[in-house]
């Protein structure tokens, strides 16, 4: 999978703020680093779901 990121990369502070907004009360007590990890996992899961969808769609054609 070519979407992997290096853990040393700097995460966009705007993205962290947006993730906090989306997580709502669930983000309370989480550090920026924790939020960054949640964002990275969510992004990875989204890529997996899209790839699974495309594979299933191609198999049905």
PDB file of N, CA and C in Angstrom:
ATOM      1  N   UNK A   1       0.843  -1.171   0.000  1.00  0.00           N
ATOM      2  CA  UNK A   1       0.000   0.000   0.000  1.00  0.00           C
ATOM      3  C   UNK A   1       0.890   1.237   0.000  1.00  0.00           C
ATOM      4  N   UNK A   2       0.666   2.132  -0.902  1.00  0.00           N
ATOM      5  CA  UNK A   2       1.551   3.279  -1.056  1.00  0.00           C
ATOM      6  C   UNK A   2       1.083   4.514  -0.285  1.00  0.00           C
ATOM      7  N   UNK A   3       0.155   4.337   0.647  1.00  0.00           N
ATOM      8  CA  UNK A   3      -0.369   5.474   1.397  1.00  0.00           C
ATOM      9  C   UNK A   3       0.271   5.614   2.772  1.00  0.00           C
ATOM     10  N   UNK A   4       1.209   4.758   3.093  1.00  0.00           N
ATOM     11  CA  UNK A   4       1.834   4.780   4.420  1.00  0.00           C
ATOM     12  C   UNK A   4       2.631   6.066   4.605  1.00  0.00           C
ATOM     13  N   UNK A   5       2.634   6.541   5.841  1.00  0.00           N
ATOM     14  CA  UNK A   5       3.393   7.745   6.164  1.00  0.00           C
ATOM     15  C   UNK A   5       4.424   7.412   7.206  1.00  0.00           C
ATOM     16  N   UNK A   6       5.477   8.163   7.175  1.00  0.00           N
ATOM     17  CA  UNK A   6       6.502   8.034   8.199  1.00  0.00           C
ATOM     18  C   UNK A   6       5.995   8.693   9.473  1.00  0.00           C
ATOM     19  N   UNK A   7       6.168   8.037  10.612  1.00  0.00           N
ATOM     20  CA  UNK A   7       5.696   8.578  11.887  1.00  0.00           C
ATOM     21  C   UNK A   7       6.404   9.874  12.256  1.00  0.00           C
ATOM     22  N   UNK A   8       7.547  10.163  11.618  1.00  0.00           N
ATOM     23  CA  UNK A   8       8.291  11.379  11.905  1.00  0.00           C
ATOM     24  C   UNK A   8       7.764  12.597  11.141  1.00  0.00           C
ATOM     25  N   UNK A   9       6.868  12.358  10.176  1.00  0.00           N
ATOM     26  CA  UNK A   9       6.322  13.470   9.406  1.00  0.00           C
ATOM     27  C   UNK A   9       5.504  14.373  10.313  1.00  0.00           C
ATOM     28  N   UNK A  10       5.560  15.663  10.040  1.00  0.00           N
ATOM     29  CA  UNK A  10       4.786  16.627  10.811  1.00  0.00           C
ATOM     30  C   UNK A  10       3.354  16.626  10.295  1.00  0.00           C
ATOM     31  N   UNK A  11       2.428  16.476  11.220  1.00  0.00           N
ATOM     32  CA  UNK A  11       1.014  16.456  10.864  1.00  0.00           C
ATOM     33  C   UNK A  11       0.486  17.884  10.870  1.00  0.00           C
ATOM     34  N   UNK A  12      -0.349  18.209   9.943  1.00  0.00           N
ATOM     35  CA  UNK A  12      -0.913  19.551   9.798  1.00  0.00           C
ATOM     36  C   UNK A  12      -1.751  19.921  11.025  1.00  0.00           C
ATOM     37  N   UNK A  13      -1.402  21.009  11.703  1.00  0.00           N
ATOM     38  CA  UNK A  13      -2.179  21.431  12.884  1.00  0.00           C
ATOM     39  C   UNK A  13      -3.651  21.677  12.575  1.00  0.00           C
ATOM     40  N   UNK A  14      -3.943  22.109  11.353  1.00  0.00           N
ATOM     41  CA  UNK A  14      -5.327  22.321  10.951  1.00  0.00           C
ATOM     42  C   UNK A  14      -6.075  20.993  10.922  1.00  0.00           C
ATOM     43  N   UNK A  15      -5.392  19.940  10.479  1.00  0.00           N
ATOM     44  CA  UNK A  15      -6.014  18.619  10.445  1.00  0.00           C
ATOM     45  C   UNK A  15      -6.290  18.119  11.859  1.00  0.00           C
ATOM     46  N   UNK A  16      -5.381  18.398  12.785  1.00  0.00           N
ATOM     47  CA  UNK A  16      -5.591  17.991  14.173  1.00  0.00           C
ATOM     48  C   UNK A  16      -6.808  18.715  14.737  1.00  0.00           C
ATOM     49  N   UNK A  17      -6.926  20.003  14.463  1.00  0.00           N
ATOM     50  CA  UNK A  17      -8.075  20.768  14.941  1.00  0.00           C
ATOM     51  C   UNK A  17      -9.377  20.219  14.352  1.00  0.00           C
ATOM     52  N   UNK A  18      -9.345  19.880  13.069  1.00  0.00           N
ATOM     53  CA  UNK A  18     -10.542  19.326  12.415  1.00  0.00           C
ATOM     54  C   UNK A  18     -10.894  17.970  13.002  1.00  0.00           C
ATOM     55  N   UNK A  19      -9.903  17.143  13.253  1.00  0.00           N
ATOM     56  CA  UNK A  19     -10.158  15.841  13.867  1.00  0.00           C
ATOM     57  C   UNK A  19     -10.758  16.008  15.253  1.00  0.00           C
ATOM     58  N   UNK A  20     -10.249  16.953  16.015  1.00  0.00           N
ATOM     59  CA  UNK A  20     -10.815  17.233  17.342  1.00  0.00           C
ATOM     60  C   UNK A  20     -12.294  17.620  17.220  1.00  0.00           C
ATOM     61  N   UNK A  21     -12.579  18.453  16.229  1.00  0.00           N
ATOM     62  CA  UNK A  21     -13.951  18.892  15.993  1.00  0.00           C
ATOM     63  C   UNK A  21     -14.847  17.697  15.659  1.00  0.00           C
ATOM     64  N   UNK A  22     -14.363  16.830  14.787  1.00  0.00           N
ATOM     65  CA  UNK A  22     -15.150  15.658  14.386  1.00  0.00           C
ATOM     66  C   UNK A  22     -15.333  14.663  15.531  1.00  0.00           C
ATOM     67  N   UNK A  23     -14.315  14.521  16.372  1.00  0.00           N
ATOM     68  CA  UNK A  23     -14.395  13.587  17.488  1.00  0.00           C
ATOM     69  C   UNK A  23     -15.260  14.118  18.630  1.00  0.00           C
ATOM     70  N   UNK A  24     -15.405  15.427  18.701  1.00  0.00           N
ATOM     71  CA  UNK A  24     -16.249  16.025  19.735  1.00  0.00           C
ATOM     72  C   UNK A  24     -15.745  15.690  21.126  1.00  0.00           C
ATOM     73  N   UNK A  25     -16.672  15.281  21.991  1.00  0.00           N
ATOM     74  CA  UNK A  25     -16.335  14.970  23.385  1.00  0.00           C
ATOM     75  C   UNK A  25     -15.331  13.824  23.506  1.00  0.00           C
ATOM     76  N   UNK A  26     -15.259  12.967  22.506  1.00  0.00           N
ATOM     77  CA  UNK A  26     -14.317  11.844  22.534  1.00  0.00           C
ATOM     78  C   UNK A  26     -12.869  12.325  22.521  1.00  0.00           C
ATOM     79  N   UNK A  27     -12.649  13.553  22.058  1.00  0.00           N
ATOM     80  CA  UNK A  27     -11.289  14.094  21.984  1.00  0.00           C
ATOM     81  C   UNK A  27     -10.830  14.709  23.305  1.00  0.00           C
ATOM     82  N   UNK A  28     -11.763  14.899  24.226  1.00  0.00           N
ATOM     83  CA  UNK A  28     -11.401  15.489  25.519  1.00  0.00           C
ATOM     84  C   UNK A  28     -10.356  14.624  26.214  1.00  0.00           C
ATOM     85  N   UNK A  29      -9.296  15.253  26.668  1.00  0.00           N
ATOM     86  CA  UNK A  29      -8.241  14.530  27.379  1.00  0.00           C
ATOM     87  C   UNK A  29      -7.194  13.897  26.482  1.00  0.00           C
ATOM     88  N   UNK A  30      -7.366  13.988  25.155  1.00  0.00           N
ATOM     89  CA  UNK A  30      -6.385  13.429  24.229  1.00  0.00           C
ATOM     90  C   UNK A  30      -5.368  14.498  23.838  1.00  0.00           C
ATOM     91  N   UNK A  31      -4.109  14.114  23.780  1.00  0.00           N
ATOM     92  CA  UNK A  31      -3.066  15.036  23.340  1.00  0.00           C
ATOM     93  C   UNK A  31      -3.135  15.194  21.825  1.00  0.00           C
ATOM     94  N   UNK A  32      -2.430  16.190  21.314  1.00  0.00           N
ATOM     95  CA  UNK A  32      -2.356  16.353  19.857  1.00  0.00           C
ATOM     96  C   UNK A  32      -1.782  15.108  19.211  1.00  0.00           C
ATOM     97  N   UNK A  33      -0.799  14.482  19.868  1.00  0.00           N
ATOM     98  CA  UNK A  33      -0.191  13.253  19.342  1.00  0.00           C
ATOM     99  C   UNK A  33      -1.223  12.128  19.274  1.00  0.00           C
ATOM    100  N   UNK A  34      -2.075  12.032  20.297  1.00  0.00           N
ATOM    101  CA  UNK A  34      -3.141  11.025  20.281  1.00  0.00           C
ATOM    102  C   UNK A  34      -4.119  11.285  19.137  1.00  0.00           C
ATOM    103  N   UNK A  35      -4.489  12.547  18.973  1.00  0.00           N
ATOM    104  CA  UNK A  35      -5.404  12.922  17.884  1.00  0.00           C
ATOM    105  C   UNK A  35      -4.772  12.603  16.534  1.00  0.00           C
ATOM    106  N   UNK A  36      -3.494  12.888  16.400  1.00  0.00           N
ATOM    107  CA  UNK A  36      -2.775  12.591  15.160  1.00  0.00           C
ATOM    108  C   UNK A  36      -2.837  11.098  14.850  1.00  0.00           C
ATOM    109  N   UNK A  37      -2.648  10.277  15.863  1.00  0.00           N
ATOM    110  CA  UNK A  37      -2.716   8.820  15.667  1.00  0.00           C
ATOM    111  C   UNK A  37      -4.109   8.387  15.224  1.00  0.00           C
ATOM    112  N   UNK A  38      -5.128   8.963  15.848  1.00  0.00           N
ATOM    113  CA  UNK A  38      -6.508   8.642  15.459  1.00  0.00           C
ATOM    114  C   UNK A  38      -6.728   9.022  13.999  1.00  0.00           C
ATOM    115  N   UNK A  39      -6.249  10.202  13.612  1.00  0.00           N
ATOM    116  CA  UNK A  39      -6.392  10.661  12.223  1.00  0.00           C
ATOM    117  C   UNK A  39      -5.691   9.713  11.246  1.00  0.00           C
ATOM    118  N   UNK A  40      -4.483   9.305  11.602  1.00  0.00           N
ATOM    119  CA  UNK A  40      -3.728   8.408  10.727  1.00  0.00           C
ATOM    120  C   UNK A  40      -4.433   7.049  10.585  1.00  0.00           C
ATOM    121  N   UNK A  41      -4.945   6.536  11.689  1.00  0.00           N
ATOM    122  CA  UNK A  41      -5.660   5.257  11.627  1.00  0.00           C
ATOM    123  C   UNK A  41      -6.940   5.382  10.807  1.00  0.00           C
ATOM    124  N   UNK A  42      -7.657   6.488  10.984  1.00  0.00           N
ATOM    125  CA  UNK A  42      -8.879   6.708  10.218  1.00  0.00           C
ATOM    126  C   UNK A  42      -8.584   6.805   8.728  1.00  0.00           C
ATOM    127  N   UNK A  43      -7.504   7.489   8.392  1.00  0.00           N
ATOM    128  CA  UNK A  43      -7.120   7.613   6.981  1.00  0.00           C
ATOM    129  C   UNK A  43      -6.752   6.248   6.399  1.00  0.00           C
ATOM    130  N   UNK A  44      -6.011   5.466   7.162  1.00  0.00           N
ATOM    131  CA  UNK A  44      -5.624   4.131   6.694  1.00  0.00           C
ATOM    132  C   UNK A  44      -6.855   3.257   6.488  1.00  0.00           C
ATOM    133  N   UNK A  45      -7.790   3.323   7.430  1.00  0.00           N
ATOM    134  CA  UNK A  45      -9.011   2.530   7.301  1.00  0.00           C
ATOM    135  C   UNK A  45      -9.833   2.962   6.095  1.00  0.00           C
ATOM    136  N   UNK A  46      -9.881   4.260   5.841  1.00  0.00           N
ATOM    137  CA  UNK A  46     -10.618   4.758   4.682  1.00  0.00           C
ATOM    138  C   UNK A  46     -10.020   4.223   3.391  1.00  0.00           C
ATOM    139  N   UNK A  47      -8.699   4.178   3.305  1.00  0.00           N
ATOM    140  CA  UNK A  47      -8.046   3.636   2.111  1.00  0.00           C
ATOM    141  C   UNK A  47      -8.369   2.150   1.940  1.00  0.00           C
ATOM    142  N   UNK A  48      -8.372   1.420   3.025  1.00  0.00           N
ATOM    143  CA  UNK A  48      -8.684  -0.010   2.970  1.00  0.00           C
ATOM    144  C   UNK A  48     -10.114  -0.220   2.490  1.00  0.00           C
ATOM    145  N   UNK A  49     -11.046   0.538   3.034  1.00  0.00           N
ATOM    146  CA  UNK A  49     -12.451   0.396   2.656  1.00  0.00           C
ATOM    147  C   UNK A  49     -12.645   0.719   1.176  1.00  0.00           C
ATOM    148  N   UNK A  50     -12.009   1.780   0.698  1.00  0.00           N
ATOM    149  CA  UNK A  50     -12.135   2.141  -0.716  1.00  0.00           C
ATOM    150  C   UNK A  50     -11.535   1.041  -1.602  1.00  0.00           C
ATOM    151  N   UNK A  51     -10.365   0.534  -1.229  1.00  0.00           N
ATOM    152  CA  UNK A  51      -9.741  -0.534  -2.008  1.00  0.00           C
ATOM    153  C   UNK A  51     -10.619  -1.787  -2.031  1.00  0.00           C
ATOM    154  N   UNK A  52     -11.214  -2.129  -0.898  1.00  0.00           N
ATOM    155  CA  UNK A  52     -12.102  -3.292  -0.847  1.00  0.00           C
ATOM    156  C   UNK A  52     -13.312  -3.080  -1.754  1.00  0.00           C
ATOM    157  N   UNK A  53     -13.880  -1.883  -1.727  1.00  0.00           N
ATOM    158  CA  UNK A  53     -15.014  -1.561  -2.577  1.00  0.00           C
ATOM    159  C   UNK A  53     -14.645  -1.705  -4.053  1.00  0.00           C
ATOM    160  N   UNK A  54     -13.504  -1.138  -4.426  1.00  0.00           N
ATOM    161  CA  UNK A  54     -13.081  -1.204  -5.839  1.00  0.00           C
ATOM    162  C   UNK A  54     -12.832  -2.634  -6.282  1.00  0.00           C
ATOM    163  N   UNK A  55     -12.220  -3.433  -5.422  1.00  0.00           N
ATOM    164  CA  UNK A  55     -11.968  -4.836  -5.758  1.00  0.00           C
ATOM    165  C   UNK A  55     -13.282  -5.593  -5.923  1.00  0.00           C
ATOM    166  N   UNK A  56     -14.231  -5.347  -5.033  1.00  0.00           N
ATOM    167  CA  UNK A  56     -15.527  -6.027  -5.132  1.00  0.00           C
ATOM    168  C   UNK A  56     -16.286  -5.588  -6.393  1.00  0.00           C
ATOM    169  N   UNK A  57     -16.216  -4.299  -6.685  1.00  0.00           N
ATOM    170  CA  UNK A  57     -16.890  -3.789  -7.876  1.00  0.00           C
ATOM    171  C   UNK A  57     -16.273  -4.398  -9.131  1.00  0.00           C
ATOM    172  N   UNK A  58     -14.950  -4.474  -9.181  1.00  0.00           N
ATOM    173  CA  UNK A  58     -14.287  -5.051 -10.348  1.00  0.00           C
ATOM    174  C   UNK A  58     -14.605  -6.525 -10.509  1.00  0.00           C
ATOM    175  N   UNK A  59     -14.750  -7.232  -9.410  1.00  0.00           N
ATOM    176  CA  UNK A  59     -15.059  -8.664  -9.461  1.00  0.00           C
ATOM    177  C   UNK A  59     -16.469  -8.914  -9.981  1.00  0.00           C
ATOM    178  N   UNK A  60     -17.373  -7.957  -9.803  1.00  0.00           N
ATOM    179  CA  UNK A  60     -18.753  -8.115 -10.239  1.00  0.00           C
ATOM    180  C   UNK A  60     -18.936  -7.781 -11.711  1.00  0.00           C
ATOM    181  N   UNK A  61     -17.966  -7.134 -12.305  1.00  0.00           N
ATOM    182  CA  UNK A  61     -18.096  -6.722 -13.720  1.00  0.00           C
ATOM    183  C   UNK A  61     -17.798  -7.840 -14.649  1.00  0.00           C
TER     184      UNK A  61
END
